[in-house]
């Protein structure tokens, strides 16, 4: 299973509480911060709710 690098690019100030809750649920606290999460449908569902605030990149597994 792959991994995703999720970066908070825009501030959630002035956004709905639901968006702020999603950002907190992903583990993001401030702009330009990034986290690594497993590539699961649940994470993609969260990311798809706030595509205007985050950037997503695939991260290759380093296990061989």
Protein backbone atom coordinates (compact mmCIF):
# COMPACT_ATOMS: atom_id res chain seq x y z
CA UNK A 1 0.00 0.00 0.00
CA UNK A 2 1.34 3.44 -0.94
CA UNK A 3 1.66 6.58 1.06
CA UNK A 4 0.64 10.19 0.49
CA UNK A 5 2.45 13.38 1.40
CA UNK A 6 -0.21 15.97 2.24
CA UNK A 7 0.85 19.63 2.52
CA UNK A 8 -1.33 22.44 3.85
CA UNK A 9 -0.86 25.23 1.27
CA UNK A 10 -3.54 27.73 2.28
CA UNK A 11 -4.78 28.95 5.63
CA UNK A 12 -8.15 27.68 6.84
CA UNK A 13 -8.98 31.10 8.32
CA UNK A 14 -12.46 32.08 7.20
CA UNK A 15 -13.30 28.56 6.03
CA UNK A 16 -16.18 26.47 7.43
CA UNK A 17 -15.66 24.57 10.67
CA UNK A 18 -16.00 21.29 8.75
CA UNK A 19 -12.93 22.17 6.67
CA UNK A 20 -10.95 23.08 9.79
CA UNK A 21 -11.97 19.77 11.40
CA UNK A 22 -10.77 17.84 8.33
CA UNK A 23 -7.42 19.64 8.39
CA UNK A 24 -7.00 18.83 12.08
CA UNK A 25 -8.06 15.22 11.42
CA UNK A 26 -5.29 14.88 8.84
CA UNK A 27 -2.82 16.06 11.49
CA UNK A 28 -2.08 19.47 9.98
CA UNK A 29 -1.75 22.56 12.16
CA UNK A 30 -0.06 25.31 10.15
CA UNK A 31 0.57 26.28 6.55
CA UNK A 32 3.47 24.64 4.70
CA UNK A 33 3.38 21.74 7.18
CA UNK A 34 3.24 18.26 5.64
CA UNK A 35 2.32 14.83 6.92
CA UNK A 36 2.66 11.30 5.55
CA UNK A 37 -0.52 9.22 5.55
CA UNK A 38 -1.43 5.81 4.15
CA UNK A 39 -3.13 5.83 0.75
CA UNK A 40 -6.63 4.79 1.82
CA UNK A 41 -10.12 5.72 0.62
CA UNK A 42 -10.78 7.45 3.95
CA UNK A 43 -7.80 9.79 3.53
CA UNK A 44 -8.75 10.52 -0.10
CA UNK A 45 -12.29 11.35 1.04
CA UNK A 46 -10.90 13.91 3.47
CA UNK A 47 -8.53 15.37 0.88
CA UNK A 48 -11.28 15.61 -1.74
CA UNK A 49 -13.31 17.83 0.61
CA UNK A 50 -10.53 20.43 0.81
CA UNK A 51 -8.56 20.28 -2.49
CA UNK A 52 -8.28 24.10 -2.54
CA UNK A 53 -6.28 24.04 0.71
CA UNK A 54 -3.89 21.09 0.30
CA UNK A 55 -1.43 19.56 -2.14
CA UNK A 56 -1.09 15.77 -2.38
CA UNK A 57 1.89 13.77 -3.67
CA UNK A 58 2.44 10.02 -3.89
CA UNK A 59 5.41 8.79 -1.88
CA UNK A 60 7.15 5.61 -2.96
CA UNK A 61 7.58 2.88 -0.37
CA UNK A 62 11.21 2.42 0.59
CA UNK A 63 10.88 -1.25 1.51
CA UNK A 64 12.34 -3.66 -1.03
